[in-house]
């Protein structure tokens, strides 16, 4: 019966989050309305929602999302070519559990891990 999941992550600034996801990661803003304190972005079949949390301390934010990717090597290369910072401990590699993965942090310290089954 379940058909999709759209994680909701905290953001301190809607403008900063919008710019990061649209200009840096290639998402598009989703929906026809601009809700105060709320943002929805989508890319391909993935949708992420954000709620405004101005008092968020990024060092204390543990928001995490795992995003499955096709052609992960090409996607990773495109991010590197665009000078997107990859998490220092999240370089692209094949993990023992059969996934090829890498990670990065958004401006609010939400961890985005991208993975493809090997």
PDB file of N, CA and C in Angstrom:
ATOM      1  N   UNK A   1       0.790  -1.195   0.000  1.00  0.00           N
ATOM      2  CA  UNK A   1       0.000   0.000   0.000  1.00  0.00           C
ATOM      3  C   UNK A   1       0.836   1.265   0.000  1.00  0.00           C
ATOM      4  N   UNK A   2       2.032   1.242   0.610  1.00  0.00           N
ATOM      5  CA  UNK A   2       2.874   2.429   0.648  1.00  0.00           C
ATOM      6  C   UNK A   2       3.436   2.692  -0.750  1.00  0.00           C
ATOM      7  N   UNK A   3       3.510   3.948  -1.135  1.00  0.00           N
ATOM      8  CA  UNK A   3       3.953   4.265  -2.491  1.00  0.00           C
ATOM      9  C   UNK A   3       5.169   5.177  -2.566  1.00  0.00           C
ATOM     10  N   UNK A   4       5.421   5.977  -1.553  1.00  0.00           N
ATOM     11  CA  UNK A   4       6.563   6.896  -1.610  1.00  0.00           C
ATOM     12  C   UNK A   4       6.852   7.422  -0.215  1.00  0.00           C
ATOM     13  N   UNK A   5       8.033   7.978  -0.073  1.00  0.00           N
ATOM     14  CA  UNK A   5       8.400   8.648   1.177  1.00  0.00           C
ATOM     15  C   UNK A   5       9.088   9.956   0.807  1.00  0.00           C
ATOM     16  N   UNK A   6       8.751  11.012   1.541  1.00  0.00           N
ATOM     17  CA  UNK A   6       9.341  12.324   1.312  1.00  0.00           C
ATOM     18  C   UNK A   6       9.867  12.828   2.650  1.00  0.00           C
ATOM     19  N   UNK A   7      11.158  12.649   2.902  1.00  0.00           N
ATOM     20  CA  UNK A   7      11.700  13.068   4.193  1.00  0.00           C
ATOM     21  C   UNK A   7      11.557  14.570   4.400  1.00  0.00           C
ATOM     22  N   UNK A   8      11.408  14.948   5.667  1.00  0.00           N
ATOM     23  CA  UNK A   8      11.332  16.350   6.058  1.00  0.00           C
ATOM     24  C   UNK A   8      12.551  16.656   6.919  1.00  0.00           C
ATOM     25  N   UNK A   9      13.351  17.606   6.455  1.00  0.00           N
ATOM     26  CA  UNK A   9      14.583  17.966   7.140  1.00  0.00           C
ATOM     27  C   UNK A   9      14.522  19.418   7.613  1.00  0.00           C
ATOM     28  N   UNK A  10      15.262  19.747   8.669  1.00  0.00           N
ATOM     29  CA  UNK A  10      15.277  21.131   9.141  1.00  0.00           C
ATOM     30  C   UNK A  10      16.163  22.020   8.269  1.00  0.00           C
ATOM     31  N   UNK A  11      15.784  23.300   8.196  1.00  0.00           N
ATOM     32  CA  UNK A  11      16.600  24.302   7.496  1.00  0.00           C
ATOM     33  C   UNK A  11      16.562  25.594   8.298  1.00  0.00           C
ATOM     34  N   UNK A  12      17.674  26.299   8.314  1.00  0.00           N
ATOM     35  CA  UNK A  12      17.703  27.601   8.988  1.00  0.00           C
ATOM     36  C   UNK A  12      17.217  28.708   8.071  1.00  0.00           C
ATOM     37  N   UNK A  13      17.563  28.627   6.801  1.00  0.00           N
ATOM     38  CA  UNK A  13      17.223  29.676   5.844  1.00  0.00           C
ATOM     39  C   UNK A  13      16.663  29.054   4.570  1.00  0.00           C
ATOM     40  N   UNK A  14      15.449  29.404   4.251  1.00  0.00           N
ATOM     41  CA  UNK A  14      14.821  28.878   3.039  1.00  0.00           C
ATOM     42  C   UNK A  14      15.603  29.286   1.791  1.00  0.00           C
ATOM     43  N   UNK A  15      16.085  30.515   1.740  1.00  0.00           N
ATOM     44  CA  UNK A  15      16.829  31.000   0.569  1.00  0.00           C
ATOM     45  C   UNK A  15      18.129  30.218   0.380  1.00  0.00           C
ATOM     46  N   UNK A  16      18.852  29.968   1.464  1.00  0.00           N
ATOM     47  CA  UNK A  16      20.115  29.234   1.387  1.00  0.00           C
ATOM     48  C   UNK A  16      19.859  27.782   0.983  1.00  0.00           C
ATOM     49  N   UNK A  17      18.862  27.161   1.590  1.00  0.00           N
ATOM     50  CA  UNK A  17      18.535  25.772   1.270  1.00  0.00           C
ATOM     51  C   UNK A  17      18.068  25.653  -0.166  1.00  0.00           C
ATOM     52  N   UNK A  18      17.202  26.544  -0.605  1.00  0.00           N
ATOM     53  CA  UNK A  18      16.719  26.538  -1.990  1.00  0.00           C
ATOM     54  C   UNK A  18      17.892  26.647  -2.963  1.00  0.00           C
ATOM     55  N   UNK A  19      18.787  27.580  -2.714  1.00  0.00           N
ATOM     56  CA  UNK A  19      19.935  27.782  -3.604  1.00  0.00           C
ATOM     57  C   UNK A  19      20.832  26.545  -3.649  1.00  0.00           C
ATOM     58  N   UNK A  20      21.092  25.941  -2.498  1.00  0.00           N
ATOM     59  CA  UNK A  20      21.959  24.760  -2.464  1.00  0.00           C
ATOM     60  C   UNK A  20      21.361  23.610  -3.266  1.00  0.00           C
ATOM     61  N   UNK A  21      20.107  23.314  -3.015  1.00  0.00           N
ATOM     62  CA  UNK A  21      19.494  22.153  -3.669  1.00  0.00           C
ATOM     63  C   UNK A  21      19.221  22.399  -5.154  1.00  0.00           C
ATOM     64  N   UNK A  22      18.857  23.618  -5.524  1.00  0.00           N
ATOM     65  CA  UNK A  22      18.553  23.866  -6.939  1.00  0.00           C
ATOM     66  C   UNK A  22      19.811  24.172  -7.746  1.00  0.00           C
ATOM     67  N   UNK A  23      20.657  25.039  -7.245  1.00  0.00           N
ATOM     68  CA  UNK A  23      21.829  25.450  -8.025  1.00  0.00           C
ATOM     69  C   UNK A  23      22.994  24.467  -7.896  1.00  0.00           C
ATOM     70  N   UNK A  24      23.145  23.868  -6.742  1.00  0.00           N
ATOM     71  CA  UNK A  24      24.290  22.984  -6.513  1.00  0.00           C
ATOM     72  C   UNK A  24      23.983  21.531  -6.861  1.00  0.00           C
ATOM     73  N   UNK A  25      22.795  21.050  -6.480  1.00  0.00           N
ATOM     74  CA  UNK A  25      22.480  19.634  -6.658  1.00  0.00           C
ATOM     75  C   UNK A  25      21.511  19.354  -7.808  1.00  0.00           C
ATOM     76  N   UNK A  26      21.004  20.373  -8.460  1.00  0.00           N
ATOM     77  CA  UNK A  26      20.155  20.160  -9.629  1.00  0.00           C
ATOM     78  C   UNK A  26      18.715  19.793  -9.348  1.00  0.00           C
ATOM     79  N   UNK A  27      18.240  20.034  -8.139  1.00  0.00           N
ATOM     80  CA  UNK A  27      16.829  19.834  -7.828  1.00  0.00           C
ATOM     81  C   UNK A  27      16.032  21.007  -8.386  1.00  0.00           C
ATOM     82  N   UNK A  28      14.724  20.848  -8.445  1.00  0.00           N
ATOM     83  CA  UNK A  28      13.819  21.937  -8.803  1.00  0.00           C
ATOM     84  C   UNK A  28      12.842  22.120  -7.662  1.00  0.00           C
ATOM     85  N   UNK A  29      12.413  23.360  -7.480  1.00  0.00           N
ATOM     86  CA  UNK A  29      11.402  23.591  -6.460  1.00  0.00           C
ATOM     87  C   UNK A  29      10.126  22.888  -6.890  1.00  0.00           C
ATOM     88  N   UNK A  30       9.451  22.257  -5.939  1.00  0.00           N
ATOM     89  CA  UNK A  30       8.271  21.457  -6.226  1.00  0.00           C
ATOM     90  C   UNK A  30       7.022  22.175  -5.721  1.00  0.00           C
ATOM     91  N   UNK A  31       5.955  22.099  -6.494  1.00  0.00           N
ATOM     92  CA  UNK A  31       4.680  22.664  -6.082  1.00  0.00           C
ATOM     93  C   UNK A  31       4.439  24.037  -6.679  1.00  0.00           C
ATOM     94  N   UNK A  32       3.201  24.469  -6.569  1.00  0.00           N
ATOM     95  CA  UNK A  32       2.791  25.741  -7.149  1.00  0.00           C
ATOM     96  C   UNK A  32       2.743  26.881  -6.144  1.00  0.00           C
ATOM     97  N   UNK A  33       2.803  26.569  -4.866  1.00  0.00           N
ATOM     98  CA  UNK A  33       2.682  27.597  -3.833  1.00  0.00           C
ATOM     99  C   UNK A  33       3.999  27.744  -3.081  1.00  0.00           C
ATOM    100  N   UNK A  34       4.275  28.953  -2.638  1.00  0.00           N
ATOM    101  CA  UNK A  34       5.457  29.230  -1.836  1.00  0.00           C
ATOM    102  C   UNK A  34       5.002  29.399  -0.386  1.00  0.00           C
ATOM    103  N   UNK A  35       5.070  28.313   0.378  1.00  0.00           N
ATOM    104  CA  UNK A  35       4.598  28.330   1.761  1.00  0.00           C
ATOM    105  C   UNK A  35       5.644  28.955   2.681  1.00  0.00           C
ATOM    106  N   UNK A  36       5.240  29.842   3.553  1.00  0.00           N
ATOM    107  CA  UNK A  36       6.197  30.427   4.504  1.00  0.00           C
ATOM    108  C   UNK A  36       6.803  29.323   5.382  1.00  0.00           C
ATOM    109  N   UNK A  37       8.122  29.340   5.500  1.00  0.00           N
ATOM    110  CA  UNK A  37       8.801  28.403   6.387  1.00  0.00           C
ATOM    111  C   UNK A  37       8.822  26.964   5.921  1.00  0.00           C
ATOM    112  N   UNK A  38       8.465  26.722   4.669  1.00  0.00           N
ATOM    113  CA  UNK A  38       8.435  25.346   4.160  1.00  0.00           C
ATOM    114  C   UNK A  38       8.929  25.336   2.721  1.00  0.00           C
ATOM    115  N   UNK A  39       9.692  24.312   2.366  1.00  0.00           N
ATOM    116  CA  UNK A  39      10.253  24.195   1.026  1.00  0.00           C
ATOM    117  C   UNK A  39      10.163  22.741   0.579  1.00  0.00           C
ATOM    118  N   UNK A  40       9.817  22.538  -0.673  1.00  0.00           N
ATOM    119  CA  UNK A  40       9.796  21.199  -1.267  1.00  0.00           C
ATOM    120  C   UNK A  40      10.640  21.251  -2.542  1.00  0.00           C
ATOM    121  N   UNK A  41      11.545  20.293  -2.679  1.00  0.00           N
ATOM    122  CA  UNK A  41      12.361  20.194  -3.889  1.00  0.00           C
ATOM    123  C   UNK A  41      12.267  18.777  -4.431  1.00  0.00           C
ATOM    124  N   UNK A  42      12.500  18.637  -5.734  1.00  0.00           N
ATOM    125  CA  UNK A  42      12.421  17.320  -6.364  1.00  0.00           C
ATOM    126  C   UNK A  42      13.460  17.225  -7.468  1.00  0.00           C
ATOM    127  N   UNK A  43      13.938  16.021  -7.653  1.00  0.00           N
ATOM    128  CA  UNK A  43      14.807  15.693  -8.776  1.00  0.00           C
ATOM    129  C   UNK A  43      14.505  14.250  -9.146  1.00  0.00           C
ATOM    130  N   UNK A  44      14.158  14.041 -10.406  1.00  0.00           N
ATOM    131  CA  UNK A  44      13.747  12.726 -10.870  1.00  0.00           C
ATOM    132  C   UNK A  44      12.603  12.226  -9.982  1.00  0.00           C
ATOM    133  N   UNK A  45      12.759  11.087  -9.333  1.00  0.00           N
ATOM    134  CA  UNK A  45      11.684  10.532  -8.499  1.00  0.00           C
ATOM    135  C   UNK A  45      11.852  10.852  -7.016  1.00  0.00           C
ATOM    136  N   UNK A  46      12.833  11.683  -6.677  1.00  0.00           N
ATOM    137  CA  UNK A  46      13.132  11.983  -5.275  1.00  0.00           C
ATOM    138  C   UNK A  46      12.583  13.359  -4.904  1.00  0.00           C
ATOM    139  N   UNK A  47      11.889  13.390  -3.788  1.00  0.00           N
ATOM    140  CA  UNK A  47      11.358  14.639  -3.252  1.00  0.00           C
ATOM    141  C   UNK A  47      11.839  14.784  -1.816  1.00  0.00           C
ATOM    142  N   UNK A  48      12.319  15.975  -1.464  1.00  0.00           N
ATOM    143  CA  UNK A  48      12.729  16.261  -0.092  1.00  0.00           C
ATOM    144  C   UNK A  48      11.988  17.515   0.348  1.00  0.00           C
ATOM    145  N   UNK A  49      11.459  17.481   1.567  1.00  0.00           N
ATOM    146  CA  UNK A  49      10.762  18.629   2.143  1.00  0.00           C
ATOM    147  C   UNK A  49      11.617  19.191   3.277  1.00  0.00           C
ATOM    148  N   UNK A  50      11.486  20.492   3.498  1.00  0.00           N
ATOM    149  CA  UNK A  50      12.238  21.176   4.555  1.00  0.00           C
ATOM    150  C   UNK A  50      11.304  22.057   5.359  1.00  0.00           C
ATOM    151  N   UNK A  51      11.505  22.087   6.651  1.00  0.00           N
ATOM    152  CA  UNK A  51      10.759  22.982   7.528  1.00  0.00           C
ATOM    153  C   UNK A  51      11.733  23.957   8.168  1.00  0.00           C
ATOM    154  N   UNK A  52      11.278  25.198   8.326  1.00  0.00           N
ATOM    155  CA  UNK A  52      12.140  26.236   8.866  1.00  0.00           C
ATOM    156  C   UNK A  52      12.363  26.020  10.357  1.00  0.00           C
ATOM    157  N   UNK A  53      13.638  26.096  10.749  1.00  0.00           N
ATOM    158  CA  UNK A  53      14.055  25.944  12.134  1.00  0.00           C
ATOM    159  C   UNK A  53      15.205  26.930  12.345  1.00  0.00           C
ATOM    160  N   UNK A  54      14.869  28.225  12.518  1.00  0.00           N
ATOM    161  CA  UNK A  54      15.902  29.263  12.581  1.00  0.00           C
ATOM    162  C   UNK A  54      16.919  29.058  13.705  1.00  0.00           C
ATOM    163  N   UNK A  55      16.511  28.432  14.807  1.00  0.00           N
ATOM    164  CA  UNK A  55      17.414  28.226  15.937  1.00  0.00           C
ATOM    165  C   UNK A  55      18.251  26.968  15.844  1.00  0.00           C
ATOM    166  N   UNK A  56      18.205  26.293  14.707  1.00  0.00           N
ATOM    167  CA  UNK A  56      18.953  25.036  14.533  1.00  0.00           C
ATOM    168  C   UNK A  56      20.445  25.267  14.695  1.00  0.00           C
ATOM    169  N   UNK A  57      21.073  24.460  15.509  1.00  0.00           N
ATOM    170  CA  UNK A  57      22.528  24.457  15.616  1.00  0.00           C
ATOM    171  C   UNK A  57      23.010  23.323  14.710  1.00  0.00           C
ATOM    172  N   UNK A  58      23.653  23.654  13.576  1.00  0.00           N
ATOM    173  CA  UNK A  58      24.071  22.602  12.646  1.00  0.00           C
ATOM    174  C   UNK A  58      24.925  21.512  13.292  1.00  0.00           C
ATOM    175  N   UNK A  59      25.710  21.871  14.301  1.00  0.00           N
ATOM    176  CA  UNK A  59      26.556  20.877  14.967  1.00  0.00           C
ATOM    177  C   UNK A  59      25.724  19.853  15.733  1.00  0.00           C
ATOM    178  N   UNK A  60      24.463  20.174  16.003  1.00  0.00           N
ATOM    179  CA  UNK A  60      23.587  19.265  16.732  1.00  0.00           C
ATOM    180  C   UNK A  60      22.501  18.676  15.846  1.00  0.00           C
ATOM    181  N   UNK A  61      22.619  18.847  14.533  1.00  0.00           N
ATOM    182  CA  UNK A  61      21.621  18.327  13.601  1.00  0.00           C
ATOM    183  C   UNK A  61      22.052  16.951  13.110  1.00  0.00           C
ATOM    184  N   UNK A  62      21.173  15.995  13.256  1.00  0.00           N
ATOM    185  CA  UNK A  62      21.486  14.632  12.824  1.00  0.00           C
ATOM    186  C   UNK A  62      20.568  14.170  11.694  1.00  0.00           C
ATOM    187  N   UNK A  63      19.984  15.131  10.942  1.00  0.00           N
ATOM    188  CA  UNK A  63      19.142  14.778   9.811  1.00  0.00           C
ATOM    189  C   UNK A  63      19.943  14.008   8.772  1.00  0.00           C
ATOM    190  N   UNK A  64      19.373  12.926   8.279  1.00  0.00           N
ATOM    191  CA  UNK A  64      20.058  12.082   7.297  1.00  0.00           C
ATOM    192  C   UNK A  64      19.059  11.533   6.297  1.00  0.00           C
ATOM    193  N   UNK A  65      19.495  11.444   5.043  1.00  0.00           N
ATOM    194  CA  UNK A  65      18.680  10.853   3.995  1.00  0.00           C
ATOM    195  C   UNK A  65      19.589   9.967   3.142  1.00  0.00           C
ATOM    196  N   UNK A  66      19.082   8.793   2.788  1.00  0.00           N
ATOM    197  CA  UNK A  66      19.794   7.887   1.875  1.00  0.00           C
ATOM    198  C   UNK A  66      19.041   7.918   0.551  1.00  0.00           C
ATOM    199  N   UNK A  67      19.737   8.293  -0.524  1.00  0.00           N
ATOM    200  CA  UNK A  67      19.117   8.445  -1.838  1.00  0.00           C
ATOM    201  C   UNK A  67      19.740   7.437  -2.798  1.00  0.00           C
ATOM    202  N   UNK A  68      18.927   6.581  -3.361  1.00  0.00           N
ATOM    203  CA  UNK A  68      19.413   5.616  -4.353  1.00  0.00           C
ATOM    204  C   UNK A  68      19.607   6.327  -5.688  1.00  0.00           C
ATOM    205  N   UNK A  69      20.695   5.975  -6.362  1.00  0.00           N
ATOM    206  CA  UNK A  69      21.099   6.652  -7.591  1.00  0.00           C
ATOM    207  C   UNK A  69      21.429   5.620  -8.661  1.00  0.00           C
ATOM    208  N   UNK A  70      21.075   5.928  -9.896  1.00  0.00           N
ATOM    209  CA  UNK A  70      21.547   5.154 -11.048  1.00  0.00           C
ATOM    210  C   UNK A  70      22.756   5.912 -11.605  1.00  0.00           C
ATOM    211  N   UNK A  71      23.735   5.214 -12.097  1.00  0.00           N
ATOM    212  CA  UNK A  71      24.942   5.825 -12.668  1.00  0.00           C
ATOM    213  C   UNK A  71      25.649   6.716 -11.644  1.00  0.00           C
ATOM    214  N   UNK A  72      25.923   6.144 -10.491  1.00  0.00           N
ATOM    215  CA  UNK A  72      26.493   6.908  -9.386  1.00  0.00           C
ATOM    216  C   UNK A  72      27.860   7.502  -9.718  1.00  0.00           C
ATOM    217  N   UNK A  73      28.658   6.795 -10.508  1.00  0.00           N
ATOM    218  CA  UNK A  73      29.985   7.323 -10.850  1.00  0.00           C
ATOM    219  C   UNK A  73      29.870   8.625 -11.643  1.00  0.00           C
ATOM    220  N   UNK A  74      28.955   8.673 -12.593  1.00  0.00           N
ATOM    221  CA  UNK A  74      28.752   9.880 -13.399  1.00  0.00           C
ATOM    222  C   UNK A  74      28.192  11.008 -12.536  1.00  0.00           C
ATOM    223  N   UNK A  75      27.266  10.683 -11.643  1.00  0.00           N
ATOM    224  CA  UNK A  75      26.686  11.686 -10.754  1.00  0.00           C
ATOM    225  C   UNK A  75      27.763  12.265  -9.838  1.00  0.00           C
ATOM    226  N   UNK A  76      28.581  11.405  -9.272  1.00  0.00           N
ATOM    227  CA  UNK A  76      29.676  11.827  -8.394  1.00  0.00           C
ATOM    228  C   UNK A  76      30.644  12.724  -9.153  1.00  0.00           C
ATOM    229  N   UNK A  77      31.010  12.320 -10.354  1.00  0.00           N
ATOM    230  CA  UNK A  77      31.937  13.108 -11.177  1.00  0.00           C
ATOM    231  C   UNK A  77      31.340  14.480 -11.478  1.00  0.00           C
ATOM    232  N   UNK A  78      30.056  14.547 -11.777  1.00  0.00           N
ATOM    233  CA  UNK A  78      29.398  15.827 -12.056  1.00  0.00           C
ATOM    234  C   UNK A  78      29.441  16.743 -10.834  1.00  0.00           C
ATOM    235  N   UNK A  79      29.245  16.182  -9.655  1.00  0.00           N
ATOM    236  CA  UNK A  79      29.325  16.996  -8.444  1.00  0.00           C
ATOM    237  C   UNK A  79      30.748  17.490  -8.219  1.00  0.00           C
ATOM    238  N   UNK A  80      31.733  16.621  -8.420  1.00  0.00           N
ATOM    239  CA  UNK A  80      33.125  17.045  -8.282  1.00  0.00           C
ATOM    240  C   UNK A  80      33.463  18.134  -9.301  1.00  0.00           C
ATOM    241  N   UNK A  81      33.024  17.956 -10.529  1.00  0.00           N
ATOM    242  CA  UNK A  81      33.268  18.958 -11.573  1.00  0.00           C
ATOM    243  C   UNK A  81      32.620  20.294 -11.213  1.00  0.00           C
ATOM    244  N   UNK A  82      31.498  20.240 -10.513  1.00  0.00           N
ATOM    245  CA  UNK A  82      30.818  21.449 -10.054  1.00  0.00           C
ATOM    246  C   UNK A  82      31.365  21.977  -8.736  1.00  0.00           C
ATOM    247  N   UNK A  83      32.442  21.353  -8.255  1.00  0.00           N
ATOM    248  CA  UNK A  83      33.125  21.745  -7.016  1.00  0.00           C
ATOM    249  C   UNK A  83      32.218  21.667  -5.787  1.00  0.00           C
ATOM    250  N   UNK A  84      31.332  20.678  -5.793  1.00  0.00           N
ATOM    251  CA  UNK A  84      30.489  20.424  -4.628  1.00  0.00           C
ATOM    252  C   UNK A  84      31.344  19.684  -3.592  1.00  0.00           C
ATOM    253  N   UNK A  85      31.412  20.203  -2.368  1.00  0.00           N
ATOM    254  CA  UNK A  85      32.232  19.531  -1.357  1.00  0.00           C
ATOM    255  C   UNK A  85      31.624  18.189  -0.934  1.00  0.00           C
ATOM    256  N   UNK A  86      32.413  17.155  -1.038  1.00  0.00           N
ATOM    257  CA  UNK A  86      32.041  15.811  -0.589  1.00  0.00           C
ATOM    258  C   UNK A  86      32.467  15.683   0.873  1.00  0.00           C
ATOM    259  N   UNK A  87      31.676  14.980   1.656  1.00  0.00           N
ATOM    260  CA  UNK A  87      32.014  14.781   3.072  1.00  0.00           C
ATOM    261  C   UNK A  87      33.414  14.176   3.169  1.00  0.00           C
ATOM    262  N   UNK A  88      34.252  14.687   4.079  1.00  0.00           N
ATOM    263  CA  UNK A  88      35.631  14.160   4.179  1.00  0.00           C
ATOM    264  C   UNK A  88      35.700  12.651   4.400  1.00  0.00           C
ATOM    265  N   UNK A  89      34.701  12.089   5.084  1.00  0.00           N
ATOM    266  CA  UNK A  89      34.674  10.643   5.310  1.00  0.00           C
ATOM    267  C   UNK A  89      33.695   9.950   4.364  1.00  0.00           C
ATOM    268  N   UNK A  90      33.283  10.633   3.311  1.00  0.00           N
ATOM    269  CA  UNK A  90      32.243  10.095   2.445  1.00  0.00           C
ATOM    270  C   UNK A  90      32.605  10.038   0.980  1.00  0.00           C
ATOM    271  N   UNK A  91      33.863   9.838   0.669  1.00  0.00           N
ATOM    272  CA  UNK A  91      34.271   9.713  -0.725  1.00  0.00           C
ATOM    273  C   UNK A  91      33.611   8.486  -1.363  1.00  0.00           C
ATOM    274  N   UNK A  92      33.458   8.521  -2.665  1.00  0.00           N
ATOM    275  CA  UNK A  92      32.830   7.406  -3.382  1.00  0.00           C
ATOM    276  C   UNK A  92      33.649   6.131  -3.214  1.00  0.00           C
ATOM    277  N   UNK A  93      32.992   5.088  -2.753  1.00  0.00           N
ATOM    278  CA  UNK A  93      33.650   3.791  -2.625  1.00  0.00           C
ATOM    279  C   UNK A  93      32.599   2.686  -2.577  1.00  0.00           C
ATOM    280  N   UNK A  94      33.045   1.490  -2.870  1.00  0.00           N
ATOM    281  CA  UNK A  94      32.180   0.317  -2.783  1.00  0.00           C
ATOM    282  C   UNK A  94      32.258  -0.220  -1.363  1.00  0.00           C
ATOM    283  N   UNK A  95      31.111  -0.334  -0.741  1.00  0.00           N
ATOM    284  CA  UNK A  95      31.033  -0.775   0.651  1.00  0.00           C
ATOM    285  C   UNK A  95      30.904  -2.296   0.726  1.00  0.00           C
ATOM    286  N   UNK A  96      31.267  -2.903   1.864  1.00  0.00           N
ATOM    287  CA  UNK A  96      31.175  -4.359   2.013  1.00  0.00           C
ATOM    288  C   UNK A  96      29.753  -4.893   1.873  1.00  0.00           C
ATOM    289  N   UNK A  97      28.748  -4.043   2.067  1.00  0.00           N
ATOM    290  CA  UNK A  97      27.356  -4.479   1.981  1.00  0.00           C
ATOM    291  C   UNK A  97      26.796  -4.385   0.563  1.00  0.00           C
ATOM    292  N   UNK A  98      27.680  -4.184  -0.420  1.00  0.00           N
ATOM    293  CA  UNK A  98      27.263  -4.254  -1.811  1.00  0.00           C
ATOM    294  C   UNK A  98      26.676  -2.980  -2.388  1.00  0.00           C
ATOM    295  N   UNK A  99      27.000  -1.855  -1.782  1.00  0.00           N
ATOM    296  CA  UNK A  99      26.545  -0.559  -2.285  1.00  0.00           C
ATOM    297  C   UNK A  99      27.767   0.279  -2.651  1.00  0.00           C
ATOM    298  N   UNK A 100      27.657   1.047  -3.695  1.00  0.00           N
ATOM    299  CA  UNK A 100      28.655   2.049  -4.047  1.00  0.00           C
ATOM    300  C   UNK A 100      28.070   3.364  -3.543  1.00  0.00           C
ATOM    301  N   UNK A 101      28.778   4.061  -2.641  1.00  0.00           N
ATOM    302  CA  UNK A 101      28.202   5.193  -1.922  1.00  0.00           C
ATOM    303  C   UNK A 101      29.167   6.371  -1.804  1.00  0.00           C
ATOM    304  N   UNK A 102      28.567   7.550  -1.616  1.00  0.00           N
ATOM    305  CA  UNK A 102      29.296   8.734  -1.175  1.00  0.00           C
ATOM    306  C   UNK A 102      28.327   9.625  -0.408  1.00  0.00           C
ATOM    307  N   UNK A 103      28.875  10.585   0.335  1.00  0.00           N
ATOM    308  CA  UNK A 103      28.046  11.455   1.170  1.00  0.00           C
ATOM    309  C   UNK A 103      28.494  12.903   1.083  1.00  0.00           C
ATOM    310  N   UNK A 104      27.544  13.789   1.367  1.00  0.00           N
ATOM    311  CA  UNK A 104      27.856  15.210   1.496  1.00  0.00           C
ATOM    312  C   UNK A 104      26.924  15.815   2.526  1.00  0.00           C
ATOM    313  N   UNK A 105      27.259  17.014   2.966  1.00  0.00           N
ATOM    314  CA  UNK A 105      26.444  17.737   3.941  1.00  0.00           C
ATOM    315  C   UNK A 105      25.823  18.954   3.273  1.00  0.00           C
ATOM    316  N   UNK A 106      24.560  19.227   3.597  1.00  0.00           N
ATOM    317  CA  UNK A 106      23.939  20.450   3.098  1.00  0.00           C
ATOM    318  C   UNK A 106      24.291  21.595   4.058  1.00  0.00           C
ATOM    319  N   UNK A 107      23.857  22.815   3.786  1.00  0.00           N
ATOM    320  CA  UNK A 107      24.243  23.951   4.635  1.00  0.00           C
ATOM    321  C   UNK A 107      23.804  23.851   6.089  1.00  0.00           C
ATOM    322  N   UNK A 108      22.854  22.975   6.393  1.00  0.00           N
ATOM    323  CA  UNK A 108      22.390  22.818   7.770  1.00  0.00           C
ATOM    324  C   UNK A 108      22.903  21.538   8.421  1.00  0.00           C
ATOM    325  N   UNK A 109      23.853  20.901   7.781  1.00  0.00           N
ATOM    326  CA  UNK A 109      24.496  19.694   8.300  1.00  0.00           C
ATOM    327  C   UNK A 109      23.622  18.459   8.160  1.00  0.00           C
ATOM    328  N   UNK A 110      22.601  18.501   7.292  1.00  0.00           N
ATOM    329  CA  UNK A 110      21.855  17.288   6.971  1.00  0.00           C
ATOM    330  C   UNK A 110      22.759  16.431   6.096  1.00  0.00           C
ATOM    331  N   UNK A 111      22.922  15.170   6.465  1.00  0.00           N
ATOM    332  CA  UNK A 111      23.779  14.257   5.723  1.00  0.00           C
ATOM    333  C   UNK A 111      22.999  13.614   4.583  1.00  0.00           C
ATOM    334  N   UNK A 112      23.500  13.776   3.372  1.00  0.00           N
ATOM    335  CA  UNK A 112      22.908  13.147   2.192  1.00  0.00           C
ATOM    336  C   UNK A 112      23.859  12.060   1.732  1.00  0.00           C
ATOM    337  N   UNK A 113      23.414  10.817   1.780  1.00  0.00           N
ATOM    338  CA  UNK A 113      24.210   9.704   1.290  1.00  0.00           C
ATOM    339  C   UNK A 113      23.559   9.186   0.018  1.00  0.00           C
ATOM    340  N   UNK A 114      24.356   9.049  -1.021  1.00  0.00           N
ATOM    341  CA  UNK A 114      23.888   8.570  -2.318  1.00  0.00           C
ATOM    342  C   UNK A 114      24.465   7.181  -2.513  1.00  0.00           C
ATOM    343  N   UNK A 115      23.642   6.239  -2.973  1.00  0.00           N
ATOM    344  CA  UNK A 115      24.109   4.876  -3.136  1.00  0.00           C
ATOM    345  C   UNK A 115      23.496   4.172  -4.325  1.00  0.00           C
ATOM    346  N   UNK A 116      24.271   3.237  -4.864  1.00  0.00           N
ATOM    347  CA  UNK A 116      23.817   2.384  -5.971  1.00  0.00           C
ATOM    348  C   UNK A 116      24.265   0.954  -5.660  1.00  0.00           C
ATOM    349  N   UNK A 117      23.364   0.025  -5.863  1.00  0.00           N
ATOM    350  CA  UNK A 117      23.702  -1.379  -5.660  1.00  0.00           C
ATOM    351  C   UNK A 117      24.729  -1.812  -6.700  1.00  0.00           C
ATOM    352  N   UNK A 118      25.721  -2.554  -6.225  1.00  0.00           N
ATOM    353  CA  UNK A 118      26.779  -3.049  -7.120  1.00  0.00           C
ATOM    354  C   UNK A 118      26.323  -4.331  -7.778  1.00  0.00           C
TER     355      UNK A 118
END
